[in-house]
Amino acid sequence: MHIDLSYGKKDELEKRTYYVMDEDGYLYIENMKIIEYNMDRITNFWCSKNKKKIEEYKYLIMLGPDRTSLNEIVGGDKYMEKYTKKVEDLNDKDAFTSWITP
């Protein structure tokens, strides 16, 4: 499985699934699936306060907002608090942010 977090796409869907197949629909690689998440679209769920979509994509939404919003997304959920700590730790490391930010 390949997971792709895409930015800058003008797609109307927040998630697409792709398979490797030929023009006749023959599945060339049976054990490979590519899932692409449109992060601009997913981030907009947070901005528009779409509660259903925020719940569905909260783990991906957590990758983008500032710390205040991040704490709001967590909402007292212990698992989410642990995940938030890991995201914050990564964001505090220059070795990580220097190559991932661009």
PDB file of N, CA and C in Angstrom:
ATOM      1  N   MET A   1       0.850  -1.166   0.000  1.00  0.00           N
ATOM      2  CA  MET A   1       0.000   0.000   0.000  1.00  0.00           C
ATOM      3  C   MET A   1       0.897   1.231   0.000  1.00  0.00           C
ATOM      4  N   HIS A   2       0.542   2.181  -0.816  1.00  0.00           N
ATOM      5  CA  HIS A   2       1.251   3.453  -0.897  1.00  0.00           C
ATOM      6  C   HIS A   2       0.260   4.544  -0.521  1.00  0.00           C
ATOM      7  N   ILE A   3       0.629   5.372   0.444  1.00  0.00           N
ATOM      8  CA  ILE A   3      -0.232   6.480   0.856  1.00  0.00           C
ATOM      9  C   ILE A   3       0.438   7.772   0.446  1.00  0.00           C
ATOM     10  N   ASP A   4      -0.303   8.620  -0.269  1.00  0.00           N
ATOM     11  CA  ASP A   4       0.218   9.871  -0.798  1.00  0.00           C
ATOM     12  C   ASP A   4      -0.588  11.030  -0.216  1.00  0.00           C
ATOM     13  N   LEU A   5       0.104  11.991   0.395  1.00  0.00           N
ATOM     14  CA  LEU A   5      -0.529  13.207   0.900  1.00  0.00           C
ATOM     15  C   LEU A   5      -0.223  14.304  -0.101  1.00  0.00           C
ATOM     16  N   SER A   6      -1.213  14.699  -0.894  1.00  0.00           N
ATOM     17  CA  SER A   6      -1.011  15.651  -1.985  1.00  0.00           C
ATOM     18  C   SER A   6      -1.507  17.039  -1.604  1.00  0.00           C
ATOM     19  N   TYR A   7      -0.791  18.032  -2.077  1.00  0.00           N
ATOM     20  CA  TYR A   7      -1.162  19.434  -1.888  1.00  0.00           C
ATOM     21  C   TYR A   7      -1.201  20.114  -3.252  1.00  0.00           C
ATOM     22  N   GLY A   8      -2.023  21.153  -3.384  1.00  0.00           N
ATOM     23  CA  GLY A   8      -2.062  21.937  -4.606  1.00  0.00           C
ATOM     24  C   GLY A   8      -2.858  21.315  -5.737  1.00  0.00           C
ATOM     25  N   LYS A   9      -3.683  20.328  -5.456  1.00  0.00           N
ATOM     26  CA  LYS A   9      -4.517  19.700  -6.485  1.00  0.00           C
ATOM     27  C   LYS A   9      -5.890  20.340  -6.483  1.00  0.00           C
ATOM     28  N   LYS A  10      -6.496  20.419  -7.619  1.00  0.00           N
ATOM     29  CA  LYS A  10      -7.821  21.023  -7.733  1.00  0.00           C
ATOM     30  C   LYS A  10      -8.919  19.955  -7.828  1.00  0.00           C
ATOM     31  N   ASP A  11      -8.676  18.820  -7.214  1.00  0.00           N
ATOM     32  CA  ASP A  11      -9.618  17.707  -7.226  1.00  0.00           C
ATOM     33  C   ASP A  11     -10.766  17.991  -6.262  1.00  0.00           C
ATOM     34  N   GLU A  12     -11.957  17.566  -6.633  1.00  0.00           N
ATOM     35  CA  GLU A  12     -13.120  17.763  -5.766  1.00  0.00           C
ATOM     36  C   GLU A  12     -13.238  16.691  -4.684  1.00  0.00           C
ATOM     37  N   LEU A  13     -12.528  15.587  -4.841  1.00  0.00           N
ATOM     38  CA  LEU A  13     -12.575  14.513  -3.858  1.00  0.00           C
ATOM     39  C   LEU A  13     -11.421  14.631  -2.873  1.00  0.00           C
ATOM     40  N   GLU A  14     -11.666  14.244  -1.639  1.00  0.00           N
ATOM     41  CA  GLU A  14     -10.597  14.288  -0.641  1.00  0.00           C
ATOM     42  C   GLU A  14      -9.740  13.019  -0.662  1.00  0.00           C
ATOM     43  N   LYS A  15     -10.245  11.956  -1.275  1.00  0.00           N
ATOM     44  CA  LYS A  15      -9.507  10.685  -1.277  1.00  0.00           C
ATOM     45  C   LYS A  15      -9.752   9.958  -2.600  1.00  0.00           C
ATOM     46  N   ARG A  16      -8.671   9.450  -3.167  1.00  0.00           N
ATOM     47  CA  ARG A  16      -8.771   8.627  -4.368  1.00  0.00           C
ATOM     48  C   ARG A  16      -7.937   7.364  -4.162  1.00  0.00           C
ATOM     49  N   THR A  17      -8.386   6.260  -4.757  1.00  0.00           N
ATOM     50  CA  THR A  17      -7.655   5.004  -4.702  1.00  0.00           C
ATOM     51  C   THR A  17      -7.300   4.589  -6.125  1.00  0.00           C
ATOM     52  N   TYR A  18      -6.046   4.237  -6.309  1.00  0.00           N
ATOM     53  CA  TYR A  18      -5.547   3.846  -7.628  1.00  0.00           C
ATOM     54  C   TYR A  18      -4.982   2.432  -7.564  1.00  0.00           C
ATOM     55  N   TYR A  19      -5.012   1.783  -8.706  1.00  0.00           N
ATOM     56  CA  TYR A  19      -4.423   0.467  -8.868  1.00  0.00           C
ATOM     57  C   TYR A  19      -3.562   0.489 -10.131  1.00  0.00           C
ATOM     58  N   VAL A  20      -2.591  -0.406 -10.215  1.00  0.00           N
ATOM     59  CA  VAL A  20      -1.762  -0.501 -11.404  1.00  0.00           C
ATOM     60  C   VAL A  20      -2.418  -1.509 -12.345  1.00  0.00           C
ATOM     61  N   MET A  21      -2.956  -1.003 -13.484  1.00  0.00           N
ATOM     62  CA  MET A  21      -3.602  -1.869 -14.459  1.00  0.00           C
ATOM     63  C   MET A  21      -3.370  -1.339 -15.864  1.00  0.00           C
ATOM     64  N   ASP A  22      -3.594  -2.174 -16.830  1.00  0.00           N
ATOM     65  CA  ASP A  22      -3.406  -1.744 -18.213  1.00  0.00           C
ATOM     66  C   ASP A  22      -4.686  -1.107 -18.760  1.00  0.00           C
ATOM     67  N   GLU A  23      -4.633  -0.675 -20.031  1.00  0.00           N
ATOM     68  CA  GLU A  23      -5.774   0.031 -20.629  1.00  0.00           C
ATOM     69  C   GLU A  23      -7.012  -0.844 -20.782  1.00  0.00           C
ATOM     70  N   ASP A  24      -6.855  -2.160 -20.702  1.00  0.00           N
ATOM     71  CA  ASP A  24      -7.996  -3.067 -20.787  1.00  0.00           C
ATOM     72  C   ASP A  24      -8.582  -3.399 -19.419  1.00  0.00           C
ATOM     73  N   GLY A  25      -8.004  -2.819 -18.371  1.00  0.00           N
ATOM     74  CA  GLY A  25      -8.498  -3.069 -17.019  1.00  0.00           C
ATOM     75  C   GLY A  25      -7.876  -4.265 -16.346  1.00  0.00           C
ATOM     76  N   TYR A  26      -6.840  -4.874 -16.977  1.00  0.00           N
ATOM     77  CA  TYR A  26      -6.152  -6.006 -16.366  1.00  0.00           C
ATOM     78  C   TYR A  26      -5.294  -5.502 -15.212  1.00  0.00           C
ATOM     79  N   LEU A  27      -5.556  -6.020 -14.022  1.00  0.00           N
ATOM     80  CA  LEU A  27      -4.821  -5.630 -12.823  1.00  0.00           C
ATOM     81  C   LEU A  27      -3.420  -6.204 -12.894  1.00  0.00           C
ATOM     82  N   TYR A  28      -2.447  -5.345 -13.121  1.00  0.00           N
ATOM     83  CA  TYR A  28      -1.067  -5.770 -13.335  1.00  0.00           C
ATOM     84  C   TYR A  28      -0.395  -6.194 -12.042  1.00  0.00           C
ATOM     85  N   ILE A  29      -0.557  -5.399 -10.993  1.00  0.00           N
ATOM     86  CA  ILE A  29       0.031  -5.731  -9.690  1.00  0.00           C
ATOM     87  C   ILE A  29      -1.117  -5.880  -8.699  1.00  0.00           C
ATOM     88  N   GLU A  30      -1.410  -7.097  -8.336  1.00  0.00           N
ATOM     89  CA  GLU A  30      -2.584  -7.384  -7.506  1.00  0.00           C
ATOM     90  C   GLU A  30      -2.435  -6.919  -6.062  1.00  0.00           C
ATOM     91  N   ASN A  31      -1.226  -6.873  -5.559  1.00  0.00           N
ATOM     92  CA  ASN A  31      -1.040  -6.543  -4.145  1.00  0.00           C
ATOM     93  C   ASN A  31      -0.556  -5.104  -3.935  1.00  0.00           C
ATOM     94  N   MET A  32      -0.887  -4.203  -4.865  1.00  0.00           N
ATOM     95  CA  MET A  32      -0.496  -2.797  -4.697  1.00  0.00           C
ATOM     96  C   MET A  32      -1.706  -1.891  -4.851  1.00  0.00           C
ATOM     97  N   LYS A  33      -1.875  -1.021  -3.865  1.00  0.00           N
ATOM     98  CA  LYS A  33      -2.945  -0.041  -3.878  1.00  0.00           C
ATOM     99  C   LYS A  33      -2.325   1.307  -3.516  1.00  0.00           C
ATOM    100  N   ILE A  34      -2.718   2.353  -4.235  1.00  0.00           N
ATOM    101  CA  ILE A  34      -2.245   3.702  -3.947  1.00  0.00           C
ATOM    102  C   ILE A  34      -3.443   4.506  -3.456  1.00  0.00           C
ATOM    103  N   ILE A  35      -3.316   5.060  -2.260  1.00  0.00           N
ATOM    104  CA  ILE A  35      -4.370   5.913  -1.712  1.00  0.00           C
ATOM    105  C   ILE A  35      -3.817   7.324  -1.646  1.00  0.00           C
ATOM    106  N   GLU A  36      -4.501   8.242  -2.302  1.00  0.00           N
ATOM    107  CA  GLU A  36      -4.072   9.633  -2.344  1.00  0.00           C
ATOM    108  C   GLU A  36      -5.073  10.488  -1.567  1.00  0.00           C
ATOM    109  N   TYR A  37      -4.556  11.251  -0.606  1.00  0.00           N
ATOM    110  CA  TYR A  37      -5.380  12.178   0.165  1.00  0.00           C
ATOM    111  C   TYR A  37      -5.092  13.594  -0.305  1.00  0.00           C
ATOM    112  N   ASN A  38      -6.132  14.329  -0.649  1.00  0.00           N
ATOM    113  CA  ASN A  38      -6.017  15.728  -1.053  1.00  0.00           C
ATOM    114  C   ASN A  38      -6.011  16.570   0.230  1.00  0.00           C
ATOM    115  N   MET A  39      -4.826  16.918   0.685  1.00  0.00           N
ATOM    116  CA  MET A  39      -4.681  17.569   1.980  1.00  0.00           C
ATOM    117  C   MET A  39      -5.275  18.979   2.014  1.00  0.00           C
ATOM    118  N   ASP A  40      -5.290  19.688   0.888  1.00  0.00           N
ATOM    119  CA  ASP A  40      -5.931  21.005   0.858  1.00  0.00           C
ATOM    120  C   ASP A  40      -7.419  20.865   1.157  1.00  0.00           C
ATOM    121  N   ARG A  41      -8.039  19.906   0.529  1.00  0.00           N
ATOM    122  CA  ARG A  41      -9.471  19.659   0.732  1.00  0.00           C
ATOM    123  C   ARG A  41      -9.741  19.207   2.176  1.00  0.00           C
ATOM    124  N   ILE A  42      -8.900  18.320   2.687  1.00  0.00           N
ATOM    125  CA  ILE A  42      -9.071  17.805   4.041  1.00  0.00           C
ATOM    126  C   ILE A  42      -8.869  18.918   5.069  1.00  0.00           C
ATOM    127  N   THR A  43      -7.890  19.772   4.858  1.00  0.00           N
ATOM    128  CA  THR A  43      -7.658  20.906   5.762  1.00  0.00           C
ATOM    129  C   THR A  43      -8.853  21.857   5.768  1.00  0.00           C
ATOM    130  N   ASN A  44      -9.503  22.002   4.630  1.00  0.00           N
ATOM    131  CA  ASN A  44     -10.689  22.870   4.560  1.00  0.00           C
ATOM    132  C   ASN A  44     -11.837  22.366   5.420  1.00  0.00           C
ATOM    133  N   PHE A  45     -11.887  21.067   5.699  1.00  0.00           N
ATOM    134  CA  PHE A  45     -12.923  20.547   6.597  1.00  0.00           C
ATOM    135  C   PHE A  45     -12.772  21.178   7.976  1.00  0.00           C
ATOM    136  N   TRP A  46     -11.532  21.368   8.415  1.00  0.00           N
ATOM    137  CA  TRP A  46     -11.280  21.993   9.715  1.00  0.00           C
ATOM    138  C   TRP A  46     -11.710  23.458   9.678  1.00  0.00           C
ATOM    139  N   CYS A  47     -11.346  24.158   8.610  1.00  0.00           N
ATOM    140  CA  CYS A  47     -11.671  25.585   8.485  1.00  0.00           C
ATOM    141  C   CYS A  47     -13.179  25.812   8.415  1.00  0.00           C
ATOM    142  N   SER A  48     -13.897  24.901   7.759  1.00  0.00           N
ATOM    143  CA  SER A  48     -15.347  25.049   7.608  1.00  0.00           C
ATOM    144  C   SER A  48     -16.127  24.426   8.769  1.00  0.00           C
ATOM    145  N   LYS A  49     -15.398  23.829   9.724  1.00  0.00           N
ATOM    146  CA  LYS A  49     -15.997  23.194  10.917  1.00  0.00           C
ATOM    147  C   LYS A  49     -16.974  22.081  10.569  1.00  0.00           C
ATOM    148  N   ASN A  50     -16.646  21.301   9.530  1.00  0.00           N
ATOM    149  CA  ASN A  50     -17.451  20.166   9.119  1.00  0.00           C
ATOM    150  C   ASN A  50     -17.176  19.005  10.088  1.00  0.00           C
ATOM    151  N   LYS A  51     -17.995  18.889  11.124  1.00  0.00           N
ATOM    152  CA  LYS A  51     -17.743  17.943  12.218  1.00  0.00           C
ATOM    153  C   LYS A  51     -17.629  16.491  11.750  1.00  0.00           C
ATOM    154  N   LYS A  52     -18.478  16.089  10.829  1.00  0.00           N
ATOM    155  CA  LYS A  52     -18.441  14.708  10.346  1.00  0.00           C
ATOM    156  C   LYS A  52     -17.112  14.415   9.648  1.00  0.00           C
ATOM    157  N   LYS A  53     -16.688  15.314   8.776  1.00  0.00           N
ATOM    158  CA  LYS A  53     -15.433  15.113   8.042  1.00  0.00           C
ATOM    159  C   LYS A  53     -14.220  15.287   8.953  1.00  0.00           C
ATOM    160  N   ILE A  54     -14.313  16.180   9.933  1.00  0.00           N
ATOM    161  CA  ILE A  54     -13.210  16.345  10.890  1.00  0.00           C
ATOM    162  C   ILE A  54     -12.990  15.046  11.646  1.00  0.00           C
ATOM    163  N   GLU A  55     -14.064  14.424  12.079  1.00  0.00           N
ATOM    164  CA  GLU A  55     -13.946  13.150  12.792  1.00  0.00           C
ATOM    165  C   GLU A  55     -13.350  12.076  11.890  1.00  0.00           C
ATOM    166  N   GLU A  56     -13.762  12.047  10.636  1.00  0.00           N
ATOM    167  CA  GLU A  56     -13.279  11.044   9.686  1.00  0.00           C
ATOM    168  C   GLU A  56     -11.784  11.212   9.382  1.00  0.00           C
ATOM    169  N   TYR A  57     -11.329  12.471   9.284  1.00  0.00           N
ATOM    170  CA  TYR A  57      -9.953  12.744   8.862  1.00  0.00           C
ATOM    171  C   TYR A  57      -9.097  13.428   9.927  1.00  0.00           C
ATOM    172  N   LYS A  58      -9.471  13.306  11.197  1.00  0.00           N
ATOM    173  CA  LYS A  58      -8.774  14.057  12.240  1.00  0.00           C
ATOM    174  C   LYS A  58      -7.283  13.737  12.328  1.00  0.00           C
ATOM    175  N   TYR A  59      -6.897  12.506  12.040  1.00  0.00           N
ATOM    176  CA  TYR A  59      -5.474  12.151  12.121  1.00  0.00           C
ATOM    177  C   TYR A  59      -4.662  12.830  11.020  1.00  0.00           C
ATOM    178  N   LEU A  60      -5.258  13.036   9.880  1.00  0.00           N
ATOM    179  CA  LEU A  60      -4.584  13.768   8.807  1.00  0.00           C
ATOM    180  C   LEU A  60      -4.648  15.272   9.049  1.00  0.00           C
ATOM    181  N   ILE A  61      -5.774  15.755   9.537  1.00  0.00           N
ATOM    182  CA  ILE A  61      -5.927  17.187   9.831  1.00  0.00           C
ATOM    183  C   ILE A  61      -4.894  17.626  10.857  1.00  0.00           C
ATOM    184  N   MET A  62      -4.549  16.734  11.785  1.00  0.00           N
ATOM    185  CA  MET A  62      -3.592  17.070  12.839  1.00  0.00           C
ATOM    186  C   MET A  62      -2.199  17.389  12.300  1.00  0.00           C
ATOM    187  N   LEU A  63      -1.901  17.026  11.083  1.00  0.00           N
ATOM    188  CA  LEU A  63      -0.577  17.272  10.526  1.00  0.00           C
ATOM    189  C   LEU A  63      -0.346  18.727  10.154  1.00  0.00           C
ATOM    190  N   GLY A  64      -1.412  19.548  10.100  1.00  0.00           N
ATOM    191  CA  GLY A  64      -1.254  20.889   9.592  1.00  0.00           C
ATOM    192  C   GLY A  64      -1.468  22.072  10.520  1.00  0.00           C
ATOM    193  N   PRO A  65      -2.384  22.030  11.464  1.00  0.00           N
ATOM    194  CA  PRO A  65      -2.744  23.258  12.187  1.00  0.00           C
ATOM    195  C   PRO A  65      -1.723  23.687  13.242  1.00  0.00           C
ATOM    196  N   ASP A  66      -1.932  24.905  13.754  1.00  0.00           N
ATOM    197  CA  ASP A  66      -1.087  25.397  14.834  1.00  0.00           C
ATOM    198  C   ASP A  66      -1.431  24.639  16.116  1.00  0.00           C
ATOM    199  N   ARG A  67      -0.632  24.855  17.146  1.00  0.00           N
ATOM    200  CA  ARG A  67      -0.805  24.066  18.384  1.00  0.00           C
ATOM    201  C   ARG A  67      -2.133  24.317  19.083  1.00  0.00           C
ATOM    202  N   THR A  68      -2.656  25.523  18.990  1.00  0.00           N
ATOM    203  CA  THR A  68      -3.943  25.818  19.614  1.00  0.00           C
ATOM    204  C   THR A  68      -5.043  24.989  18.951  1.00  0.00           C
ATOM    205  N   SER A  69      -5.062  24.989  17.629  1.00  0.00           N
ATOM    206  CA  SER A  69      -6.059  24.197  16.899  1.00  0.00           C
ATOM    207  C   SER A  69      -5.841  22.716  17.131  1.00  0.00           C
ATOM    208  N   LEU A  70      -4.589  22.315  17.211  1.00  0.00           N
ATOM    209  CA  LEU A  70      -4.260  20.914  17.447  1.00  0.00           C
ATOM    210  C   LEU A  70      -4.869  20.442  18.764  1.00  0.00           C
ATOM    211  N   ASN A  71      -4.738  21.239  19.802  1.00  0.00           N
ATOM    212  CA  ASN A  71      -5.321  20.883  21.104  1.00  0.00           C
ATOM    213  C   ASN A  71      -6.840  20.844  21.047  1.00  0.00           C
ATOM    214  N   GLU A  72      -7.443  21.685  20.213  1.00  0.00           N
ATOM    215  CA  GLU A  72      -8.893  21.693  20.053  1.00  0.00           C
ATOM    216  C   GLU A  72      -9.369  20.404  19.366  1.00  0.00           C
ATOM    217  N   ILE A  73      -8.605  19.928  18.388  1.00  0.00           N
ATOM    218  CA  ILE A  73      -8.953  18.693  17.676  1.00  0.00           C
ATOM    219  C   ILE A  73      -8.897  17.497  18.622  1.00  0.00           C
ATOM    220  N   VAL A  74      -7.899  17.486  19.498  1.00  0.00           N
ATOM    221  CA  VAL A  74      -7.683  16.365  20.414  1.00  0.00           C
ATOM    222  C   VAL A  74      -8.886  16.145  21.319  1.00  0.00           C
ATOM    223  N   GLY A  75      -9.415  17.192  21.899  1.00  0.00           N
ATOM    224  CA  GLY A  75     -10.628  17.114  22.701  1.00  0.00           C
ATOM    225  C   GLY A  75     -10.630  16.130  23.846  1.00  0.00           C
ATOM    226  N   GLY A  76      -9.493  15.903  24.537  1.00  0.00           N
ATOM    227  CA  GLY A  76      -9.451  15.037  25.705  1.00  0.00           C
ATOM    228  C   GLY A  76      -9.307  13.556  25.408  1.00  0.00           C
ATOM    229  N   ASP A  77      -9.219  13.175  24.168  1.00  0.00           N
ATOM    230  CA  ASP A  77      -9.048  11.779  23.774  1.00  0.00           C
ATOM    231  C   ASP A  77      -7.603  11.357  24.066  1.00  0.00           C
ATOM    232  N   LYS A  78      -7.405  10.356  24.929  1.00  0.00           N
ATOM    233  CA  LYS A  78      -6.064   9.925  25.359  1.00  0.00           C
ATOM    234  C   LYS A  78      -5.191   9.483  24.180  1.00  0.00           C
ATOM    235  N   TYR A  79      -5.786   8.719  23.260  1.00  0.00           N
ATOM    236  CA  TYR A  79      -5.031   8.270  22.095  1.00  0.00           C
ATOM    237  C   TYR A  79      -4.598   9.469  21.252  1.00  0.00           C
ATOM    238  N   MET A  80      -5.500  10.418  21.084  1.00  0.00           N
ATOM    239  CA  MET A  80      -5.206  11.626  20.303  1.00  0.00           C
ATOM    240  C   MET A  80      -4.147  12.482  21.009  1.00  0.00           C
ATOM    241  N   GLU A  81      -4.175  12.527  22.330  1.00  0.00           N
ATOM    242  CA  GLU A  81      -3.170  13.295  23.067  1.00  0.00           C
ATOM    243  C   GLU A  81      -1.772  12.708  22.840  1.00  0.00           C
ATOM    244  N   LYS A  82      -1.685  11.377  22.832  1.00  0.00           N
ATOM    245  CA  LYS A  82      -0.406  10.714  22.585  1.00  0.00           C
ATOM    246  C   LYS A  82       0.077  11.006  21.158  1.00  0.00           C
ATOM    247  N   TYR A  83      -0.840  10.944  20.215  1.00  0.00           N
ATOM    248  CA  TYR A  83      -0.534  11.238  18.813  1.00  0.00           C
ATOM    249  C   TYR A  83      -0.091  12.700  18.670  1.00  0.00           C
ATOM    250  N   THR A  84      -0.773  13.609  19.350  1.00  0.00           N
ATOM    251  CA  THR A  84      -0.433  15.033  19.315  1.00  0.00           C
ATOM    252  C   THR A  84       0.978  15.263  19.835  1.00  0.00           C
ATOM    253  N   LYS A  85       1.317  14.587  20.909  1.00  0.00           N
ATOM    254  CA  LYS A  85       2.661  14.724  21.477  1.00  0.00           C
ATOM    255  C   LYS A  85       3.721  14.331  20.452  1.00  0.00           C
ATOM    256  N   LYS A  86       3.468  13.241  19.730  1.00  0.00           N
ATOM    257  CA  LYS A  86       4.424  12.794  18.715  1.00  0.00           C
ATOM    258  C   LYS A  86       4.526  13.799  17.564  1.00  0.00           C
ATOM    259  N   VAL A  87       3.387  14.343  17.145  1.00  0.00           N
ATOM    260  CA  VAL A  87       3.392  15.349  16.073  1.00  0.00           C
ATOM    261  C   VAL A  87       4.146  16.591  16.527  1.00  0.00           C
ATOM    262  N   GLU A  88       3.895  17.048  17.758  1.00  0.00           N
ATOM    263  CA  GLU A  88       4.590  18.231  18.280  1.00  0.00           C
ATOM    264  C   GLU A  88       6.087  17.983  18.399  1.00  0.00           C
ATOM    265  N   ASP A  89       6.479  16.796  18.873  1.00  0.00           N
ATOM    266  CA  ASP A  89       7.901  16.462  18.979  1.00  0.00           C
ATOM    267  C   ASP A  89       8.574  16.510  17.611  1.00  0.00           C
ATOM    268  N   LEU A  90       7.907  15.972  16.598  1.00  0.00           N
ATOM    269  CA  LEU A  90       8.463  16.021  15.241  1.00  0.00           C
ATOM    270  C   LEU A  90       8.596  17.465  14.761  1.00  0.00           C
ATOM    271  N   ASN A  91       7.568  18.264  15.002  1.00  0.00           N
ATOM    272  CA  ASN A  91       7.583  19.657  14.552  1.00  0.00           C
ATOM    273  C   ASN A  91       8.639  20.498  15.262  1.00  0.00           C
ATOM    274  N   ASP A  92       9.101  20.056  16.406  1.00  0.00           N
ATOM    275  CA  ASP A  92      10.129  20.779  17.156  1.00  0.00           C
ATOM    276  C   ASP A  92      11.554  20.401  16.736  1.00  0.00           C
ATOM    277  N   LYS A  93      11.688  19.403  15.894  1.00  0.00           N
ATOM    278  CA  LYS A  93      13.024  18.939  15.490  1.00  0.00           C
ATOM    279  C   LYS A  93      13.440  19.575  14.170  1.00  0.00           C
ATOM    280  N   ASP A  94      14.537  20.328  14.210  1.00  0.00           N
ATOM    281  CA  ASP A  94      15.040  20.975  13.003  1.00  0.00           C
ATOM    282  C   ASP A  94      15.392  19.971  11.916  1.00  0.00           C
ATOM    283  N   ALA A  95      15.869  18.818  12.305  1.00  0.00           N
ATOM    284  CA  ALA A  95      16.243  17.795  11.323  1.00  0.00           C
ATOM    285  C   ALA A  95      15.031  17.350  10.511  1.00  0.00           C
ATOM    286  N   PHE A  96      13.865  17.381  11.116  1.00  0.00           N
ATOM    287  CA  PHE A  96      12.629  16.990  10.422  1.00  0.00           C
ATOM    288  C   PHE A  96      12.059  18.158   9.637  1.00  0.00           C
ATOM    289  N   THR A  97      11.871  19.290  10.294  1.00  0.00           N
ATOM    290  CA  THR A  97      11.185  20.410   9.646  1.00  0.00           C
ATOM    291  C   THR A  97      11.987  21.038   8.512  1.00  0.00           C
ATOM    292  N   SER A  98      13.307  20.930   8.548  1.00  0.00           N
ATOM    293  CA  SER A  98      14.109  21.561   7.496  1.00  0.00           C
ATOM    294  C   SER A  98      13.900  20.919   6.126  1.00  0.00           C
ATOM    295  N   TRP A  99      13.567  19.622   6.076  1.00  0.00           N
ATOM    296  CA  TRP A  99      13.357  18.990   4.765  1.00  0.00           C
ATOM    297  C   TRP A  99      11.893  18.734   4.452  1.00  0.00           C
ATOM    298  N   ILE A 100      11.030  18.641   5.478  1.00  0.00           N
ATOM    299  CA  ILE A 100       9.622  18.329   5.211  1.00  0.00           C
ATOM    300  C   ILE A 100       8.818  19.592   4.897  1.00  0.00           C
ATOM    301  N   THR A 101       9.182  20.741   5.464  1.00  0.00           N
ATOM    302  CA  THR A 101       8.429  21.962   5.249  1.00  0.00           C
ATOM    303  C   THR A 101       8.348  22.362   3.779  1.00  0.00           C
ATOM    304  N   PRO A 102       9.474  22.391   3.044  1.00  0.00           N
ATOM    305  CA  PRO A 102       9.360  22.753   1.623  1.00  0.00           C
ATOM    306  C   PRO A 102       8.474  21.798   0.846  1.00  0.00           C
TER     307      PRO A 102
END
